[in-house]
């Protein structure tokens, strides 16, 4: 599987479903760290180090916010750092909040990587026959979000060119963006109706062929993914935060499973950069 992007959409979808399933099921320190590092390596490979470092403060804000909220909401744990308004602030509560923040950031990174690798055409191909309306709607939503960002930048630059600034100017920019989006939606709907959308039996064109290498990729993904998933759901990967931070499994077993997840998560780096949209 040296070209994940060249594979049939089905193996790519199965890969991300298994990966996200493993990542979202566990709250183990080793596995969260392995997933975050693997996702970060993939992002750096696709977007470059500079872009990754530019977005890194946002990750830190999410982690710090989760730690602060959990510190103020929960007061369990045996390691008391100080008292705030008569409530205990414990190291275990902060530690759990940090884990939650990294967990959220990691899942978001995997979802963004999925959006970079899986195109709208592939999504419609996989789900178009099962739920054509839902597939079309979701594909349009995925495609509209980047367009909205670009349109807002253009509208904002035009406003700045006319000397408009401040909160009121930004509200006008958002209003202009919404009006423009609604007009384009009406136009697209009329075009689809003129082209006969929803009339008669729908046909689908696709350029995807399920080959032997795709079957091999599915088998490998399922076998490796299930081995990792069995370890995760077995309970041996459990991490206890209250009243004391400790692991159920030994460090050797945790390192082996974390290394497996890390290697499994690095599959997107096997892409060539010119194959990534």
Protein backbone atom coordinates (compact mmCIF):
# COMPACT_ATOMS: atom_id res chain seq x y z
CA UNK A 1 0.00 0.00 0.00
CA UNK A 2 2.54 2.59 -1.14
CA UNK A 3 -0.03 4.98 -2.62
CA UNK A 4 -3.03 5.34 -0.32
CA UNK A 5 -4.51 8.08 -2.48
CA UNK A 6 -4.43 5.81 -5.54
CA UNK A 7 -6.47 3.14 -3.81
CA UNK A 8 -10.16 2.53 -4.27
CA UNK A 9 -12.24 4.79 -1.95
CA UNK A 10 -13.46 1.81 0.09
CA UNK A 11 -10.05 0.91 1.63
CA UNK A 12 -9.46 4.59 2.41
CA UNK A 13 -12.83 4.87 4.16
CA UNK A 14 -12.25 1.65 6.12
CA UNK A 15 -8.82 2.88 7.18
CA UNK A 16 -10.16 6.13 8.65
CA UNK A 17 -13.16 4.44 10.28
CA UNK A 18 -10.89 1.97 12.08
CA UNK A 19 -8.36 4.65 12.98
CA UNK A 20 -10.96 7.06 14.36
CA UNK A 21 -12.71 4.20 16.15
CA UNK A 22 -9.51 3.24 17.95
CA UNK A 23 -8.59 6.84 18.70
CA UNK A 24 -12.01 7.79 20.02
CA UNK A 25 -12.50 4.63 22.10
CA UNK A 26 -9.39 4.93 24.23
CA UNK A 27 -8.34 7.49 26.80
CA UNK A 28 -4.94 5.97 27.44
CA UNK A 29 -1.99 8.34 27.72
CA UNK A 30 0.27 6.28 25.48
CA UNK A 31 -2.32 5.84 22.74
CA UNK A 32 -3.42 9.47 22.80
CA UNK A 33 0.21 10.56 22.51
CA UNK A 34 0.87 8.07 19.69
CA UNK A 35 -2.19 9.25 17.78
CA UNK A 36 -1.34 12.93 18.24
CA UNK A 37 2.25 12.48 17.10
CA UNK A 38 1.21 10.39 14.09
CA UNK A 39 -1.45 12.92 13.09
CA UNK A 40 1.04 15.76 13.51
CA UNK A 41 3.59 13.98 11.31
CA UNK A 42 0.95 13.50 8.61
CA UNK A 43 -0.09 17.15 8.79
CA UNK A 44 3.53 18.31 8.57
CA UNK A 45 4.11 16.03 5.59
CA UNK A 46 1.08 17.39 3.75
CA UNK A 47 1.13 21.08 4.72
CA UNK A 48 4.72 21.71 5.80
CA UNK A 49 6.33 22.57 9.13
CA UNK A 50 5.62 26.30 8.90
CA UNK A 51 1.88 25.82 8.52
CA UNK A 52 1.82 23.28 11.34
CA UNK A 53 3.68 25.61 13.70
CA UNK A 54 1.35 28.44 12.76
CA UNK A 55 -1.66 26.37 13.88
CA UNK A 56 0.06 24.90 16.93
CA UNK A 57 -1.01 27.74 19.30
CA UNK A 58 -4.65 26.85 18.57
CA UNK A 59 -3.97 23.30 19.77
CA UNK A 60 -2.39 24.71 22.91
CA UNK A 61 -5.42 26.94 23.54
CA UNK A 62 -7.79 23.97 23.27
CA UNK A 63 -5.68 21.91 25.68
CA UNK A 64 -5.35 24.80 28.15
CA UNK A 65 -9.08 25.52 28.00
CA UNK A 66 -9.98 21.88 28.68
CA UNK A 67 -7.52 21.76 31.58
CA UNK A 68 -8.91 24.97 33.08
CA UNK A 69 -12.55 23.90 32.78
CA UNK A 70 -11.91 20.47 34.28
CA UNK A 71 -9.81 22.02 37.06
CA UNK A 72 -12.70 24.29 38.04
CA UNK A 73 -15.45 21.69 37.60
CA UNK A 74 -13.92 18.64 39.30
CA UNK A 75 -12.11 18.57 42.60
CA UNK A 76 -11.30 14.87 42.98
CA UNK A 77 -7.77 13.55 43.32
CA UNK A 78 -5.31 13.08 46.14
CA UNK A 79 -2.67 15.61 45.02
CA UNK A 80 -3.98 19.00 46.15
CA UNK A 81 -2.16 21.94 44.58
CA UNK A 82 -4.07 24.82 46.18
CA UNK A 83 -7.55 26.01 47.14
CA UNK A 84 -9.65 28.33 44.96
CA UNK A 85 -12.77 29.85 46.52
CA UNK A 86 -12.76 27.06 49.06
CA UNK A 87 -12.55 24.32 46.41
CA UNK A 88 -9.65 21.98 45.94
CA UNK A 89 -7.57 22.26 42.77
CA UNK A 90 -5.91 18.89 42.19
CA UNK A 91 -3.16 17.72 39.88
CA UNK A 92 -5.32 14.79 38.76
CA UNK A 93 -8.10 17.12 37.55
CA UNK A 94 -5.65 19.21 35.53
CA UNK A 95 -4.05 16.05 34.15
CA UNK A 96 -7.44 14.72 33.01
CA UNK A 97 -8.24 18.05 31.35
CA UNK A 98 -4.93 18.02 29.46
CA UNK A 99 -5.68 14.50 28.24
CA UNK A 100 -9.13 15.59 27.10
CA UNK A 101 -7.68 18.54 25.19
CA UNK A 102 -5.08 16.45 23.38
CA UNK A 103 -7.76 13.83 22.68
CA UNK A 104 -10.03 16.43 21.02
CA UNK A 105 -7.19 17.97 19.00
CA UNK A 106 -6.08 14.54 17.77
CA UNK A 107 -9.54 13.55 16.58
CA UNK A 108 -9.90 16.89 14.80
CA UNK A 109 -6.58 16.38 13.02
CA UNK A 110 -7.62 12.93 11.79
CA UNK A 111 -10.91 14.33 10.52
CA UNK A 112 -9.08 17.09 8.65
CA UNK A 113 -6.73 14.53 7.12
CA UNK A 114 -9.74 12.50 6.02
CA UNK A 115 -11.10 15.58 4.29
CA UNK A 116 -7.80 16.09 2.50
CA UNK A 117 -7.56 12.53 1.19
CA UNK A 118 -11.18 11.54 0.55
CA UNK A 119 -12.67 13.70 -2.24
CA UNK A 120 -16.32 14.59 -2.78
CA UNK A 121 -16.49 12.34 -5.85
CA UNK A 122 -15.31 9.36 -3.81
CA UNK A 123 -17.82 10.10 -1.06
CA UNK A 124 -20.70 10.29 -3.54
CA UNK A 125 -19.49 7.08 -5.20
CA UNK A 126 -19.55 5.18 -1.89
CA UNK A 127 -22.88 6.48 -0.56
CA UNK A 128 -24.66 7.81 -3.64
CA UNK A 129 -26.68 4.66 -4.28
CA UNK A 130 -27.47 4.02 -0.63
CA UNK A 131 -28.57 7.57 0.24
CA UNK A 132 -28.21 9.79 -2.83
CA UNK A 133 -29.81 12.90 -1.35
CA UNK A 134 -27.79 12.76 1.86
CA UNK A 135 -24.58 12.04 -0.05
CA UNK A 136 -25.15 14.98 -2.38
CA UNK A 137 -26.00 17.29 0.49
CA UNK A 138 -22.93 16.33 2.52
CA UNK A 139 -20.63 16.61 -0.48
CA UNK A 140 -21.98 20.10 -1.18
CA UNK A 141 -21.45 21.09 2.46
CA UNK A 142 -17.86 19.82 2.40
CA UNK A 143 -17.20 21.73 -0.81
CA UNK A 144 -19.01 24.91 0.30
CA UNK A 145 -16.98 25.48 3.47
CA UNK A 146 -13.68 26.23 1.62
CA UNK A 147 -15.57 28.45 -0.82
CA UNK A 148 -17.13 30.41 2.04
CA UNK A 149 -13.72 31.02 3.57
CA UNK A 150 -12.33 32.26 0.28
CA UNK A 151 -15.36 34.46 -0.41
CA UNK A 152 -15.14 35.99 3.06
CA UNK A 153 -11.46 36.83 2.53
CA UNK A 154 -12.31 38.56 -0.76
CA UNK A 155 -15.21 40.46 0.79
CA UNK A 156 -13.06 41.49 3.73
CA UNK A 157 -10.26 42.74 1.48
CA UNK A 158 -12.78 44.79 -0.51
CA UNK A 159 -14.11 46.33 2.69
CA UNK A 160 -10.62 47.22 3.88
CA UNK A 161 -9.92 48.74 0.46
CA UNK A 162 -12.93 51.03 0.94
CA UNK A 163 -11.65 52.05 4.37
CA UNK A 164 -14.22 50.10 6.39
CA UNK A 165 -13.11 48.57 9.68
CA UNK A 166 -14.47 47.67 13.08
CA UNK A 167 -17.23 45.39 14.32
CA UNK A 168 -19.92 47.01 12.17
CA UNK A 169 -17.87 46.47 9.02
CA UNK A 170 -17.35 42.81 9.87
CA UNK A 171 -21.08 42.35 10.43
CA UNK A 172 -21.71 43.87 7.01
CA UNK A 173 -19.14 41.49 5.51
CA UNK A 174 -20.92 38.50 7.05
CA UNK A 175 -24.28 39.80 5.79
CA UNK A 176 -22.83 40.16 2.28
CA UNK A 177 -21.41 36.64 2.47
CA UNK A 178 -24.77 35.17 3.52
CA UNK A 179 -26.63 37.04 0.76
CA UNK A 180 -24.13 35.89 -1.84
CA UNK A 181 -24.36 32.27 -0.62
CA UNK A 182 -28.18 32.29 -0.76
CA UNK A 183 -28.16 33.69 -4.29
CA UNK A 184 -25.71 31.03 -5.43
CA UNK A 185 -27.81 28.31 -3.77
CA UNK A 186 -30.92 29.44 -5.67
CA UNK A 187 -28.94 29.52 -8.91
CA UNK A 188 -27.50 26.03 -8.35
CA UNK A 189 -30.94 24.66 -7.54
CA UNK A 190 -32.37 26.06 -10.76
CA UNK A 191 -29.46 24.66 -12.77
CA UNK A 192 -29.91 21.20 -11.23
CA UNK A 193 -33.64 21.30 -11.98
CA UNK A 194 -33.00 22.36 -15.60
CA UNK A 195 -30.60 19.44 -16.00
CA UNK A 196 -33.24 17.00 -14.84
CA UNK A 197 -32.09 16.24 -11.29
CA UNK A 198 -34.62 14.02 -9.52
CA UNK A 199 -36.47 13.11 -12.71
CA UNK A 200 -36.46 9.43 -13.67
CA UNK A 201 -33.93 6.83 -12.68
CA UNK A 202 -30.59 8.26 -11.65
CA UNK A 203 -27.38 7.02 -13.26
CA UNK A 204 -23.92 7.23 -11.74
CA UNK A 205 -20.59 7.66 -13.47
CA UNK A 206 -17.41 6.71 -11.65
CA UNK A 207 -13.86 5.99 -12.58
CA UNK A 208 -13.08 3.68 -9.66
CA UNK A 209 -12.31 -0.02 -10.02
CA UNK A 210 -11.89 -2.38 -7.11
CA UNK A 211 -8.64 -4.23 -7.87
CA UNK A 212 -6.62 -6.96 -6.22
CA UNK A 213 -4.43 -4.45 -4.40
CA UNK A 214 -7.55 -2.85 -2.93
CA UNK A 215 -8.69 -6.20 -1.53
CA UNK A 216 -5.19 -6.75 -0.12
CA UNK A 217 -5.28 -3.29 1.47
CA UNK A 218 -8.68 -3.97 3.07
CA UNK A 219 -7.46 -7.29 4.50
CA UNK A 220 -4.34 -5.72 5.99
CA UNK A 221 -6.25 -2.75 7.40
CA UNK A 222 -8.90 -4.94 8.99
CA UNK A 223 -6.43 -7.43 10.49
CA UNK A 224 -4.08 -4.81 11.94
CA UNK A 225 -6.92 -2.53 12.96
CA UNK A 226 -8.85 -5.29 14.70
CA UNK A 227 -5.77 -6.40 16.61
CA UNK A 228 -5.34 -2.86 17.91
CA UNK A 229 -9.06 -2.48 18.56
CA UNK A 230 -9.24 -5.71 20.55
CA UNK A 231 -6.43 -4.46 22.77
CA UNK A 232 -8.23 -1.16 23.25
CA UNK A 233 -11.64 -2.62 24.16
CA UNK A 234 -10.18 -5.39 26.32
CA UNK A 235 -9.84 -3.00 29.24
CA UNK A 236 -6.12 -3.57 29.64
CA UNK A 237 -5.41 -0.11 28.19
CA UNK A 238 -7.41 1.63 30.91
CA UNK A 239 -5.93 4.70 32.57
CA UNK A 240 -7.10 5.76 36.02
CA UNK A 241 -7.00 9.45 36.92
CA UNK A 242 -8.86 9.46 40.24
CA UNK A 243 -7.95 9.28 42.98
CA UNK A 244 -4.45 8.52 41.65
CA UNK A 245 -2.99 8.59 38.15
CA UNK A 246 -2.00 5.04 37.15
CA UNK A 247 -2.20 2.47 34.36
CA UNK A 248 -3.78 -0.97 34.41
CA UNK A 249 -1.36 -2.57 31.92
CA UNK A 250 2.41 -2.69 32.13
CA UNK A 251 4.64 -0.22 30.32
CA UNK A 252 5.90 -2.84 27.85
CA UNK A 253 2.42 -3.77 26.65
CA UNK A 254 1.43 -0.11 26.43
CA UNK A 255 4.50 0.75 24.37
CA UNK A 256 3.85 -2.10 21.93
CA UNK A 257 0.22 -1.13 21.35
CA UNK A 258 1.12 2.57 21.10
CA UNK A 259 3.85 1.78 18.56
CA UNK A 260 1.35 -0.23 16.51
CA UNK A 261 -1.13 2.66 16.51
CA UNK A 262 1.63 5.11 15.60
CA UNK A 263 2.73 3.03 12.61
CA UNK A 264 -0.88 2.46 11.54
CA UNK A 265 -1.50 6.20 11.72
CA UNK A 266 1.48 7.00 9.49
CA UNK A 267 -0.10 5.47 6.37
CA UNK A 268 -1.08 8.89 4.93
CA UNK A 269 2.61 9.85 4.83
CA UNK A 270 3.07 7.18 2.17
CA UNK A 271 1.24 9.50 -0.22
CA UNK A 272 3.06 11.56 -2.77
CA UNK A 273 2.48 15.26 -2.26
CA UNK A 274 1.23 15.73 -5.81
CA UNK A 275 -1.49 13.16 -5.09
CA UNK A 276 -2.97 15.23 -2.27
CA UNK A 277 -5.58 17.72 -3.28
